[in-house]
Amino acid sequence: MSKGVITITDAEFETEVLTSDRPVLVYFWASWCGPCQLMAPLINSAATQYSDRLKVVKIEIDPNPKTVKQYSVEGVPALRLIKGKELLESIEGVIGKEKLLQLLDTHLTSN
């Protein structure tokens, strides 16, 4: 069980996300995106804090257009919380730690 953020591509999305035995927080980002750099420590923190109940992956938008299109990512940073093939939450833009933890707690305590 990984305690960190796993970097994935379009090719790995189904295996790492859709068939995961745990909910997955997908972090869409870009290397040229300043706000993405601000969100990275928060995403890493969530991956560590929730490692027992949540998988966290990040996918760079530019080289992975299939997944970006499939999940209607229009801006970065973007988060998608997915369990099985069900999209539980969708957020775009920078959010604070409190909002992220509240979102995760809402979905992870009901499992």
PDB file of N, CA and C in Angstrom:
ATOM      1  N   MET A   1       0.848  -1.177   0.000  1.00  0.00           N
ATOM      2  CA  MET A   1       0.000   0.000   0.000  1.00  0.00           C
ATOM      3  C   MET A   1       0.893   1.239   0.000  1.00  0.00           C
ATOM      4  N   SER A   2       0.717   2.076  -0.968  1.00  0.00           N
ATOM      5  CA  SER A   2       1.531   3.271  -1.097  1.00  0.00           C
ATOM      6  C   SER A   2       1.047   4.353  -0.144  1.00  0.00           C
ATOM      7  N   LYS A   3       2.001   5.087   0.409  1.00  0.00           N
ATOM      8  CA  LYS A   3       1.630   6.203   1.275  1.00  0.00           C
ATOM      9  C   LYS A   3       1.845   7.528   0.567  1.00  0.00           C
ATOM     10  N   GLY A   4       2.203   7.473  -0.692  1.00  0.00           N
ATOM     11  CA  GLY A   4       2.454   8.704  -1.415  1.00  0.00           C
ATOM     12  C   GLY A   4       1.548   8.824  -2.625  1.00  0.00           C
ATOM     13  N   VAL A   5       1.783   9.890  -3.366  1.00  0.00           N
ATOM     14  CA  VAL A   5       1.025  10.137  -4.585  1.00  0.00           C
ATOM     15  C   VAL A   5       1.664   9.334  -5.711  1.00  0.00           C
ATOM     16  N   ILE A   6       0.832   8.642  -6.469  1.00  0.00           N
ATOM     17  CA  ILE A   6       1.304   7.818  -7.579  1.00  0.00           C
ATOM     18  C   ILE A   6       1.078   8.587  -8.879  1.00  0.00           C
ATOM     19  N   THR A   7       2.105   8.712  -9.696  1.00  0.00           N
ATOM     20  CA  THR A   7       1.983   9.381 -10.989  1.00  0.00           C
ATOM     21  C   THR A   7       1.517   8.356 -12.020  1.00  0.00           C
ATOM     22  N   ILE A   8       0.441   8.691 -12.741  1.00  0.00           N
ATOM     23  CA  ILE A   8      -0.099   7.761 -13.740  1.00  0.00           C
ATOM     24  C   ILE A   8      -0.276   8.450 -15.090  1.00  0.00           C
ATOM     25  N   THR A   9      -0.606   7.630 -16.102  1.00  0.00           N
ATOM     26  CA  THR A   9      -0.875   8.112 -17.453  1.00  0.00           C
ATOM     27  C   THR A   9      -2.246   7.592 -17.893  1.00  0.00           C
ATOM     28  N   ASP A  10      -2.675   8.023 -19.074  1.00  0.00           N
ATOM     29  CA  ASP A  10      -3.930   7.515 -19.641  1.00  0.00           C
ATOM     30  C   ASP A  10      -3.956   5.988 -19.635  1.00  0.00           C
ATOM     31  N   ALA A  11      -2.841   5.381 -20.017  1.00  0.00           N
ATOM     32  CA  ALA A  11      -2.770   3.925 -20.142  1.00  0.00           C
ATOM     33  C   ALA A  11      -2.959   3.210 -18.810  1.00  0.00           C
ATOM     34  N   GLU A  12      -2.589   3.858 -17.721  1.00  0.00           N
ATOM     35  CA  GLU A  12      -2.683   3.235 -16.399  1.00  0.00           C
ATOM     36  C   GLU A  12      -3.963   3.595 -15.650  1.00  0.00           C
ATOM     37  N   PHE A  13      -4.753   4.500 -16.201  1.00  0.00           N
ATOM     38  CA  PHE A  13      -5.915   5.025 -15.477  1.00  0.00           C
ATOM     39  C   PHE A  13      -6.896   3.941 -15.051  1.00  0.00           C
ATOM     40  N   GLU A  14      -7.261   3.067 -15.957  1.00  0.00           N
ATOM     41  CA  GLU A  14      -8.242   2.038 -15.607  1.00  0.00           C
ATOM     42  C   GLU A  14      -7.722   1.139 -14.481  1.00  0.00           C
ATOM     43  N   THR A  15      -6.492   0.677 -14.611  1.00  0.00           N
ATOM     44  CA  THR A  15      -5.918  -0.217 -13.608  1.00  0.00           C
ATOM     45  C   THR A  15      -5.749   0.463 -12.257  1.00  0.00           C
ATOM     46  N   GLU A  16      -5.209   1.674 -12.261  1.00  0.00           N
ATOM     47  CA  GLU A  16      -4.901   2.373 -11.005  1.00  0.00           C
ATOM     48  C   GLU A  16      -6.123   3.006 -10.351  1.00  0.00           C
ATOM     49  N   VAL A  17      -7.110   3.417 -11.151  1.00  0.00           N
ATOM     50  CA  VAL A  17      -8.247   4.161 -10.605  1.00  0.00           C
ATOM     51  C   VAL A  17      -9.541   3.357 -10.647  1.00  0.00           C
ATOM     52  N   LEU A  18      -9.970   2.964 -11.826  1.00  0.00           N
ATOM     53  CA  LEU A  18     -11.298   2.362 -11.976  1.00  0.00           C
ATOM     54  C   LEU A  18     -11.421   0.976 -11.354  1.00  0.00           C
ATOM     55  N   THR A  19     -10.330   0.252 -11.239  1.00  0.00           N
ATOM     56  CA  THR A  19     -10.399  -1.079 -10.623  1.00  0.00           C
ATOM     57  C   THR A  19      -9.766  -1.105  -9.229  1.00  0.00           C
ATOM     58  N   SER A  20      -9.508   0.056  -8.654  1.00  0.00           N
ATOM     59  CA  SER A  20      -8.926   0.129  -7.315  1.00  0.00           C
ATOM     60  C   SER A  20      -9.921  -0.375  -6.276  1.00  0.00           C
ATOM     61  N   ASP A  21      -9.400  -0.994  -5.231  1.00  0.00           N
ATOM     62  CA  ASP A  21     -10.266  -1.488  -4.153  1.00  0.00           C
ATOM     63  C   ASP A  21     -10.620  -0.384  -3.154  1.00  0.00           C
ATOM     64  N   ARG A  22     -10.043   0.800  -3.331  1.00  0.00           N
ATOM     65  CA  ARG A  22     -10.320   1.946  -2.464  1.00  0.00           C
ATOM     66  C   ARG A  22     -10.745   3.138  -3.319  1.00  0.00           C
ATOM     67  N   PRO A  23     -11.395   4.127  -2.722  1.00  0.00           N
ATOM     68  CA  PRO A  23     -11.662   5.363  -3.461  1.00  0.00           C
ATOM     69  C   PRO A  23     -10.328   5.980  -3.900  1.00  0.00           C
ATOM     70  N   VAL A  24     -10.355   6.703  -5.008  1.00  0.00           N
ATOM     71  CA  VAL A  24      -9.140   7.313  -5.547  1.00  0.00           C
ATOM     72  C   VAL A  24      -9.360   8.804  -5.757  1.00  0.00           C
ATOM     73  N   LEU A  25      -8.431   9.601  -5.225  1.00  0.00           N
ATOM     74  CA  LEU A  25      -8.425  11.036  -5.485  1.00  0.00           C
ATOM     75  C   LEU A  25      -7.479  11.253  -6.661  1.00  0.00           C
ATOM     76  N   VAL A  26      -8.025  11.743  -7.770  1.00  0.00           N
ATOM     77  CA  VAL A  26      -7.223  11.983  -8.968  1.00  0.00           C
ATOM     78  C   VAL A  26      -6.927  13.479  -9.039  1.00  0.00           C
ATOM     79  N   TYR A  27      -5.658  13.806  -9.084  1.00  0.00           N
ATOM     80  CA  TYR A  27      -5.193  15.194  -9.127  1.00  0.00           C
ATOM     81  C   TYR A  27      -4.685  15.478 -10.540  1.00  0.00           C
ATOM     82  N   PHE A  28      -5.409  16.319 -11.255  1.00  0.00           N
ATOM     83  CA  PHE A  28      -5.008  16.732 -12.603  1.00  0.00           C
ATOM     84  C   PHE A  28      -4.166  17.995 -12.464  1.00  0.00           C
ATOM     85  N   TRP A  29      -3.007  18.002 -13.113  1.00  0.00           N
ATOM     86  CA  TRP A  29      -2.086  19.124 -12.968  1.00  0.00           C
ATOM     87  C   TRP A  29      -1.313  19.365 -14.259  1.00  0.00           C
ATOM     88  N   ALA A  30      -0.542  20.453 -14.268  1.00  0.00           N
ATOM     89  CA  ALA A  30       0.337  20.762 -15.399  1.00  0.00           C
ATOM     90  C   ALA A  30       1.614  21.395 -14.860  1.00  0.00           C
ATOM     91  N   SER A  31       2.718  21.121 -15.516  1.00  0.00           N
ATOM     92  CA  SER A  31       4.009  21.638 -15.056  1.00  0.00           C
ATOM     93  C   SER A  31       4.083  23.163 -15.147  1.00  0.00           C
ATOM     94  N   TRP A  32       3.318  23.751 -16.062  1.00  0.00           N
ATOM     95  CA  TRP A  32       3.331  25.205 -16.252  1.00  0.00           C
ATOM     96  C   TRP A  32       2.324  25.931 -15.356  1.00  0.00           C
ATOM     97  N   CYS A  33       1.616  25.210 -14.531  1.00  0.00           N
ATOM     98  CA  CYS A  33       0.519  25.756 -13.732  1.00  0.00           C
ATOM     99  C   CYS A  33       0.999  26.158 -12.331  1.00  0.00           C
ATOM    100  N   GLY A  34       1.063  27.463 -12.089  1.00  0.00           N
ATOM    101  CA  GLY A  34       1.471  27.969 -10.773  1.00  0.00           C
ATOM    102  C   GLY A  34       0.587  27.480  -9.639  1.00  0.00           C
ATOM    103  N   PRO A  35      -0.750  27.606  -9.773  1.00  0.00           N
ATOM    104  CA  PRO A  35      -1.629  27.118  -8.700  1.00  0.00           C
ATOM    105  C   PRO A  35      -1.460  25.618  -8.420  1.00  0.00           C
ATOM    106  N   CYS A  36      -1.067  24.853  -9.443  1.00  0.00           N
ATOM    107  CA  CYS A  36      -0.836  23.414  -9.233  1.00  0.00           C
ATOM    108  C   CYS A  36       0.332  23.213  -8.265  1.00  0.00           C
ATOM    109  N   GLN A  37       1.347  24.071  -8.385  1.00  0.00           N
ATOM    110  CA  GLN A  37       2.502  23.977  -7.485  1.00  0.00           C
ATOM    111  C   GLN A  37       2.070  24.259  -6.042  1.00  0.00           C
ATOM    112  N   LEU A  38       1.109  25.158  -5.871  1.00  0.00           N
ATOM    113  CA  LEU A  38       0.590  25.469  -4.535  1.00  0.00           C
ATOM    114  C   LEU A  38      -0.195  24.294  -3.949  1.00  0.00           C
ATOM    115  N   MET A  39      -0.898  23.555  -4.800  1.00  0.00           N
ATOM    116  CA  MET A  39      -1.725  22.444  -4.345  1.00  0.00           C
ATOM    117  C   MET A  39      -0.920  21.175  -4.051  1.00  0.00           C
ATOM    118  N   ALA A  40       0.229  21.021  -4.678  1.00  0.00           N
ATOM    119  CA  ALA A  40       1.006  19.782  -4.558  1.00  0.00           C
ATOM    120  C   ALA A  40       1.271  19.355  -3.113  1.00  0.00           C
ATOM    121  N   PRO A  41       1.724  20.247  -2.220  1.00  0.00           N
ATOM    122  CA  PRO A  41       1.963  19.807  -0.835  1.00  0.00           C
ATOM    123  C   PRO A  41       0.682  19.330  -0.141  1.00  0.00           C
ATOM    124  N   LEU A  42      -0.434  19.949  -0.445  1.00  0.00           N
ATOM    125  CA  LEU A  42      -1.716  19.559   0.134  1.00  0.00           C
ATOM    126  C   LEU A  42      -2.122  18.159  -0.346  1.00  0.00           C
ATOM    127  N   ILE A  43      -1.912  17.897  -1.625  1.00  0.00           N
ATOM    128  CA  ILE A  43      -2.227  16.582  -2.190  1.00  0.00           C
ATOM    129  C   ILE A  43      -1.330  15.514  -1.558  1.00  0.00           C
ATOM    130  N   ASN A  44      -0.045  15.832  -1.409  1.00  0.00           N
ATOM    131  CA  ASN A  44       0.892  14.896  -0.773  1.00  0.00           C
ATOM    132  C   ASN A  44       0.491  14.614   0.668  1.00  0.00           C
ATOM    133  N   SER A  45       0.063  15.648   1.373  1.00  0.00           N
ATOM    134  CA  SER A  45      -0.371  15.508   2.759  1.00  0.00           C
ATOM    135  C   SER A  45      -1.605  14.607   2.865  1.00  0.00           C
ATOM    136  N   ALA A  46      -2.562  14.807   1.965  1.00  0.00           N
ATOM    137  CA  ALA A  46      -3.779  13.981   1.960  1.00  0.00           C
ATOM    138  C   ALA A  46      -3.435  12.521   1.669  1.00  0.00           C
ATOM    139  N   ALA A  47      -2.485  12.302   0.774  1.00  0.00           N
ATOM    140  CA  ALA A  47      -2.080  10.930   0.435  1.00  0.00           C
ATOM    141  C   ALA A  47      -1.518  10.221   1.655  1.00  0.00           C
ATOM    142  N   THR A  48      -0.753  10.933   2.456  1.00  0.00           N
ATOM    143  CA  THR A  48      -0.168  10.347   3.663  1.00  0.00           C
ATOM    144  C   THR A  48      -1.218  10.168   4.757  1.00  0.00           C
ATOM    145  N   GLN A  49      -2.000  11.218   4.989  1.00  0.00           N
ATOM    146  CA  GLN A  49      -2.989  11.202   6.074  1.00  0.00           C
ATOM    147  C   GLN A  49      -4.086  10.154   5.872  1.00  0.00           C
ATOM    148  N   TYR A  50      -4.495   9.933   4.622  1.00  0.00           N
ATOM    149  CA  TYR A  50      -5.602   9.018   4.337  1.00  0.00           C
ATOM    150  C   TYR A  50      -5.136   7.716   3.677  1.00  0.00           C
ATOM    151  N   SER A  51      -3.855   7.388   3.812  1.00  0.00           N
ATOM    152  CA  SER A  51      -3.300   6.237   3.087  1.00  0.00           C
ATOM    153  C   SER A  51      -3.997   4.913   3.397  1.00  0.00           C
ATOM    154  N   ASP A  52      -4.632   4.813   4.552  1.00  0.00           N
ATOM    155  CA  ASP A  52      -5.310   3.575   4.912  1.00  0.00           C
ATOM    156  C   ASP A  52      -6.661   3.406   4.218  1.00  0.00           C
ATOM    157  N   ARG A  53      -7.238   4.515   3.705  1.00  0.00           N
ATOM    158  CA  ARG A  53      -8.575   4.437   3.104  1.00  0.00           C
ATOM    159  C   ARG A  53      -8.677   5.037   1.711  1.00  0.00           C
ATOM    160  N   LEU A  54      -7.606   5.644   1.239  1.00  0.00           N
ATOM    161  CA  LEU A  54      -7.673   6.404  -0.010  1.00  0.00           C
ATOM    162  C   LEU A  54      -6.392   6.219  -0.805  1.00  0.00           C
ATOM    163  N   LYS A  55      -6.553   6.113  -2.105  1.00  0.00           N
ATOM    164  CA  LYS A  55      -5.412   6.099  -3.020  1.00  0.00           C
ATOM    165  C   LYS A  55      -5.387   7.475  -3.679  1.00  0.00           C
ATOM    166  N   VAL A  56      -4.203   8.050  -3.828  1.00  0.00           N
ATOM    167  CA  VAL A  56      -4.083   9.356  -4.472  1.00  0.00           C
ATOM    168  C   VAL A  56      -3.157   9.216  -5.673  1.00  0.00           C
ATOM    169  N   VAL A  57      -3.658   9.654  -6.827  1.00  0.00           N
ATOM    170  CA  VAL A  57      -2.850   9.622  -8.045  1.00  0.00           C
ATOM    171  C   VAL A  57      -2.833  11.011  -8.667  1.00  0.00           C
ATOM    172  N   LYS A  58      -1.785  11.281  -9.424  1.00  0.00           N
ATOM    173  CA  LYS A  58      -1.752  12.542 -10.169  1.00  0.00           C
ATOM    174  C   LYS A  58      -1.494  12.225 -11.625  1.00  0.00           C
ATOM    175  N   ILE A  59      -2.126  13.019 -12.475  1.00  0.00           N
ATOM    176  CA  ILE A  59      -1.997  12.812 -13.908  1.00  0.00           C
ATOM    177  C   ILE A  59      -1.795  14.171 -14.574  1.00  0.00           C
ATOM    178  N   GLU A  60      -0.731  14.276 -15.341  1.00  0.00           N
ATOM    179  CA  GLU A  60      -0.425  15.532 -16.024  1.00  0.00           C
ATOM    180  C   GLU A  60      -1.353  15.669 -17.234  1.00  0.00           C
ATOM    181  N   ILE A  61      -1.956  16.840 -17.388  1.00  0.00           N
ATOM    182  CA  ILE A  61      -3.001  16.980 -18.413  1.00  0.00           C
ATOM    183  C   ILE A  61      -2.486  16.959 -19.848  1.00  0.00           C
ATOM    184  N   ASP A  62      -1.364  17.600 -20.115  1.00  0.00           N
ATOM    185  CA  ASP A  62      -0.913  17.726 -21.503  1.00  0.00           C
ATOM    186  C   ASP A  62      -0.620  16.394 -22.195  1.00  0.00           C
ATOM    187  N   PRO A  63       0.113  15.460 -21.569  1.00  0.00           N
ATOM    188  CA  PRO A  63       0.375  14.188 -22.257  1.00  0.00           C
ATOM    189  C   PRO A  63      -0.736  13.139 -22.103  1.00  0.00           C
ATOM    190  N   ASN A  64      -1.832  13.490 -21.423  1.00  0.00           N
ATOM    191  CA  ASN A  64      -2.886  12.507 -21.161  1.00  0.00           C
ATOM    192  C   ASN A  64      -4.277  13.036 -21.524  1.00  0.00           C
ATOM    193  N   PRO A  65      -4.490  13.386 -22.794  1.00  0.00           N
ATOM    194  CA  PRO A  65      -5.752  14.020 -23.200  1.00  0.00           C
ATOM    195  C   PRO A  65      -6.985  13.128 -23.074  1.00  0.00           C
ATOM    196  N   LYS A  66      -6.811  11.823 -23.154  1.00  0.00           N
ATOM    197  CA  LYS A  66      -7.963  10.912 -23.088  1.00  0.00           C
ATOM    198  C   LYS A  66      -8.679  11.031 -21.739  1.00  0.00           C
ATOM    199  N   THR A  67      -7.933  10.938 -20.660  1.00  0.00           N
ATOM    200  CA  THR A  67      -8.521  11.016 -19.325  1.00  0.00           C
ATOM    201  C   THR A  67      -9.039  12.418 -19.040  1.00  0.00           C
ATOM    202  N   VAL A  68      -8.316  13.429 -19.495  1.00  0.00           N
ATOM    203  CA  VAL A  68      -8.746  14.820 -19.318  1.00  0.00           C
ATOM    204  C   VAL A  68     -10.118  15.019 -19.959  1.00  0.00           C
ATOM    205  N   LYS A  69     -10.282  14.504 -21.167  1.00  0.00           N
ATOM    206  CA  LYS A  69     -11.564  14.625 -21.869  1.00  0.00           C
ATOM    207  C   LYS A  69     -12.646  13.799 -21.180  1.00  0.00           C
ATOM    208  N   GLN A  70     -12.311  12.582 -20.793  1.00  0.00           N
ATOM    209  CA  GLN A  70     -13.276  11.683 -20.161  1.00  0.00           C
ATOM    210  C   GLN A  70     -13.856  12.283 -18.885  1.00  0.00           C
ATOM    211  N   TYR A  71     -13.048  13.016 -18.134  1.00  0.00           N
ATOM    212  CA  TYR A  71     -13.506  13.600 -16.870  1.00  0.00           C
ATOM    213  C   TYR A  71     -13.750  15.100 -16.958  1.00  0.00           C
ATOM    214  N   SER A  72     -13.887  15.606 -18.176  1.00  0.00           N
ATOM    215  CA  SER A  72     -14.268  17.001 -18.444  1.00  0.00           C
ATOM    216  C   SER A  72     -13.443  18.014 -17.644  1.00  0.00           C
ATOM    217  N   VAL A  73     -12.137  17.825 -17.654  1.00  0.00           N
ATOM    218  CA  VAL A  73     -11.257  18.757 -16.954  1.00  0.00           C
ATOM    219  C   VAL A  73     -11.094  19.995 -17.833  1.00  0.00           C
ATOM    220  N   GLU A  74     -11.541  21.124 -17.323  1.00  0.00           N
ATOM    221  CA  GLU A  74     -11.474  22.368 -18.090  1.00  0.00           C
ATOM    222  C   GLU A  74     -10.397  23.315 -17.588  1.00  0.00           C
ATOM    223  N   GLY A  75      -9.938  23.101 -16.374  1.00  0.00           N
ATOM    224  CA  GLY A  75      -8.888  23.940 -15.807  1.00  0.00           C
ATOM    225  C   GLY A  75      -8.116  23.154 -14.772  1.00  0.00           C
ATOM    226  N   VAL A  76      -6.895  23.600 -14.498  1.00  0.00           N
ATOM    227  CA  VAL A  76      -6.084  22.940 -13.485  1.00  0.00           C
ATOM    228  C   VAL A  76      -5.679  23.954 -12.424  1.00  0.00           C
ATOM    229  N   PRO A  77      -5.461  23.512 -11.214  1.00  0.00           N
ATOM    230  CA  PRO A  77      -5.571  22.145 -10.747  1.00  0.00           C
ATOM    231  C   PRO A  77      -7.027  21.673 -10.709  1.00  0.00           C
ATOM    232  N   ALA A  78      -7.200  20.367 -10.851  1.00  0.00           N
ATOM    233  CA  ALA A  78      -8.541  19.775 -10.783  1.00  0.00           C
ATOM    234  C   ALA A  78      -8.457  18.478  -9.990  1.00  0.00           C
ATOM    235  N   LEU A  79      -9.516  18.213  -9.254  1.00  0.00           N
ATOM    236  CA  LEU A  79      -9.595  16.991  -8.461  1.00  0.00           C
ATOM    237  C   LEU A  79     -10.846  16.224  -8.842  1.00  0.00           C
ATOM    238  N   ARG A  80     -10.721  14.905  -8.901  1.00  0.00           N
ATOM    239  CA  ARG A  80     -11.870  14.032  -9.105  1.00  0.00           C
ATOM    240  C   ARG A  80     -11.754  12.923  -8.067  1.00  0.00           C
ATOM    241  N   LEU A  81     -12.803  12.719  -7.305  1.00  0.00           N
ATOM    242  CA  LEU A  81     -12.831  11.625  -6.343  1.00  0.00           C
ATOM    243  C   LEU A  81     -13.678  10.526  -6.953  1.00  0.00           C
ATOM    244  N   ILE A  82     -13.074   9.366  -7.149  1.00  0.00           N
ATOM    245  CA  ILE A  82     -13.709   8.270  -7.878  1.00  0.00           C
ATOM    246  C   ILE A  82     -13.688   7.007  -7.024  1.00  0.00           C
ATOM    247  N   LYS A  83     -14.812   6.324  -6.996  1.00  0.00           N
ATOM    248  CA  LYS A  83     -14.883   5.024  -6.324  1.00  0.00           C
ATOM    249  C   LYS A  83     -15.477   4.046  -7.316  1.00  0.00           C
ATOM    250  N   GLY A  84     -14.695   3.025  -7.664  1.00  0.00           N
ATOM    251  CA  GLY A  84     -15.112   2.123  -8.727  1.00  0.00           C
ATOM    252  C   GLY A  84     -15.136   2.935 -10.017  1.00  0.00           C
ATOM    253  N   LYS A  85     -16.269   2.943 -10.666  1.00  0.00           N
ATOM    254  CA  LYS A  85     -16.385   3.763 -11.884  1.00  0.00           C
ATOM    255  C   LYS A  85     -17.263   4.975 -11.629  1.00  0.00           C
ATOM    256  N   GLU A  86     -17.597   5.218 -10.344  1.00  0.00           N
ATOM    257  CA  GLU A  86     -18.492   6.318  -9.994  1.00  0.00           C
ATOM    258  C   GLU A  86     -17.708   7.565  -9.597  1.00  0.00           C
ATOM    259  N   LEU A  87     -18.072   8.690 -10.196  1.00  0.00           N
ATOM    260  CA  LEU A  87     -17.474   9.981  -9.857  1.00  0.00           C
ATOM    261  C   LEU A  87     -18.225  10.538  -8.651  1.00  0.00           C
ATOM    262  N   LEU A  88     -17.532  10.654  -7.517  1.00  0.00           N
ATOM    263  CA  LEU A  88     -18.161  11.125  -6.282  1.00  0.00           C
ATOM    264  C   LEU A  88     -18.097  12.643  -6.143  1.00  0.00           C
ATOM    265  N   GLU A  89     -16.976  13.230  -6.547  1.00  0.00           N
ATOM    266  CA  GLU A  89     -16.776  14.683  -6.426  1.00  0.00           C
ATOM    267  C   GLU A  89     -15.934  15.183  -7.582  1.00  0.00           C
ATOM    268  N   SER A  90     -16.161  16.433  -7.928  1.00  0.00           N
ATOM    269  CA  SER A  90     -15.418  17.076  -9.004  1.00  0.00           C
ATOM    270  C   SER A  90     -15.159  18.525  -8.601  1.00  0.00           C
ATOM    271  N   ILE A  91     -13.894  18.913  -8.534  1.00  0.00           N
ATOM    272  CA  ILE A  91     -13.526  20.271  -8.131  1.00  0.00           C
ATOM    273  C   ILE A  91     -12.449  20.782  -9.076  1.00  0.00           C
ATOM    274  N   GLU A  92     -12.581  22.031  -9.462  1.00  0.00           N
ATOM    275  CA  GLU A  92     -11.527  22.664 -10.256  1.00  0.00           C
ATOM    276  C   GLU A  92     -11.084  23.935  -9.559  1.00  0.00           C
ATOM    277  N   GLY A  93      -9.795  24.212  -9.644  1.00  0.00           N
ATOM    278  CA  GLY A  93      -9.234  25.388  -8.998  1.00  0.00           C
ATOM    279  C   GLY A  93      -8.607  25.030  -7.663  1.00  0.00           C
ATOM    280  N   VAL A  94      -7.896  25.993  -7.106  1.00  0.00           N
ATOM    281  CA  VAL A  94      -7.212  25.788  -5.836  1.00  0.00           C
ATOM    282  C   VAL A  94      -8.234  25.763  -4.703  1.00  0.00           C
ATOM    283  N   ILE A  95      -8.068  24.802  -3.809  1.00  0.00           N
ATOM    284  CA  ILE A  95      -8.893  24.761  -2.596  1.00  0.00           C
ATOM    285  C   ILE A  95      -7.963  24.677  -1.398  1.00  0.00           C
ATOM    286  N   GLY A  96      -8.469  25.066  -0.254  1.00  0.00           N
ATOM    287  CA  GLY A  96      -7.668  25.040   0.966  1.00  0.00           C
ATOM    288  C   GLY A  96      -7.679  23.668   1.617  1.00  0.00           C
ATOM    289  N   LYS A  97      -6.799  23.497   2.570  1.00  0.00           N
ATOM    290  CA  LYS A  97      -6.668  22.229   3.284  1.00  0.00           C
ATOM    291  C   LYS A  97      -7.984  21.840   3.961  1.00  0.00           C
ATOM    292  N   GLU A  98      -8.625  22.803   4.617  1.00  0.00           N
ATOM    293  CA  GLU A  98      -9.867  22.511   5.333  1.00  0.00           C
ATOM    294  C   GLU A  98     -10.943  21.967   4.394  1.00  0.00           C
ATOM    295  N   LYS A  99     -11.083  22.583   3.227  1.00  0.00           N
ATOM    296  CA  LYS A  99     -12.096  22.135   2.271  1.00  0.00           C
ATOM    297  C   LYS A  99     -11.772  20.738   1.745  1.00  0.00           C
ATOM    298  N   LEU A 100     -10.504  20.484   1.457  1.00  0.00           N
ATOM    299  CA  LEU A 100     -10.119  19.163   0.962  1.00  0.00           C
ATOM    300  C   LEU A 100     -10.380  18.084   2.019  1.00  0.00           C
ATOM    301  N   LEU A 101      -9.980  18.353   3.249  1.00  0.00           N
ATOM    302  CA  LEU A 101     -10.176  17.367   4.311  1.00  0.00           C
ATOM    303  C   LEU A 101     -11.664  17.134   4.576  1.00  0.00           C
ATOM    304  N   GLN A 102     -12.452  18.191   4.504  1.00  0.00           N
ATOM    305  CA  GLN A 102     -13.903  18.057   4.692  1.00  0.00           C
ATOM    306  C   GLN A 102     -14.501  17.178   3.590  1.00  0.00           C
ATOM    307  N   LEU A 103     -14.078  17.417   2.359  1.00  0.00           N
ATOM    308  CA  LEU A 103     -14.562  16.627   1.229  1.00  0.00           C
ATOM    309  C   LEU A 103     -14.200  15.152   1.398  1.00  0.00           C
ATOM    310  N   LEU A 104     -12.958  14.885   1.764  1.00  0.00           N
ATOM    311  CA  LEU A 104     -12.503  13.507   1.939  1.00  0.00           C
ATOM    312  C   LEU A 104     -13.226  12.834   3.109  1.00  0.00           C
ATOM    313  N   ASP A 105     -13.336  13.546   4.226  1.00  0.00           N
ATOM    314  CA  ASP A 105     -14.014  12.983   5.394  1.00  0.00           C
ATOM    315  C   ASP A 105     -15.457  12.648   5.087  1.00  0.00           C
ATOM    316  N   THR A 106     -16.136  13.490   4.324  1.00  0.00           N
ATOM    317  CA  THR A 106     -17.529  13.253   3.960  1.00  0.00           C
ATOM    318  C   THR A 106     -17.692  11.929   3.241  1.00  0.00           C
ATOM    319  N   HIS A 107     -16.804  11.651   2.299  1.00  0.00           N
ATOM    320  CA  HIS A 107     -16.927  10.442   1.493  1.00  0.00           C
ATOM    321  C   HIS A 107     -16.276   9.213   2.111  1.00  0.00           C
ATOM    322  N   LEU A 108     -15.231   9.407   2.866  1.00  0.00           N
ATOM    323  CA  LEU A 108     -14.500   8.260   3.389  1.00  0.00           C
ATOM    324  C   LEU A 108     -15.082   7.715   4.680  1.00  0.00           C
ATOM    325  N   THR A 109     -15.817   8.505   5.433  1.00  0.00           N
ATOM    326  CA  THR A 109     -16.410   7.993   6.664  1.00  0.00           C
ATOM    327  C   THR A 109     -17.692   7.234   6.395  1.00  0.00           C
ATOM    328  N   SER A 110     -18.263   7.438   5.216  1.00  0.00           N
ATOM    329  CA  SER A 110     -19.513   6.742   4.882  1.00  0.00           C
ATOM    330  C   SER A 110     -19.256   5.376   4.232  1.00  0.00           C
ATOM    331  N   ASN A 111     -17.976   5.025   4.047  1.00  0.00           N
ATOM    332  CA  ASN A 111     -17.647   3.736   3.406  1.00  0.00           C
ATOM    333  C   ASN A 111     -17.705   2.606   4.386  1.00  0.00           C
TER     334      ASN A 111
END
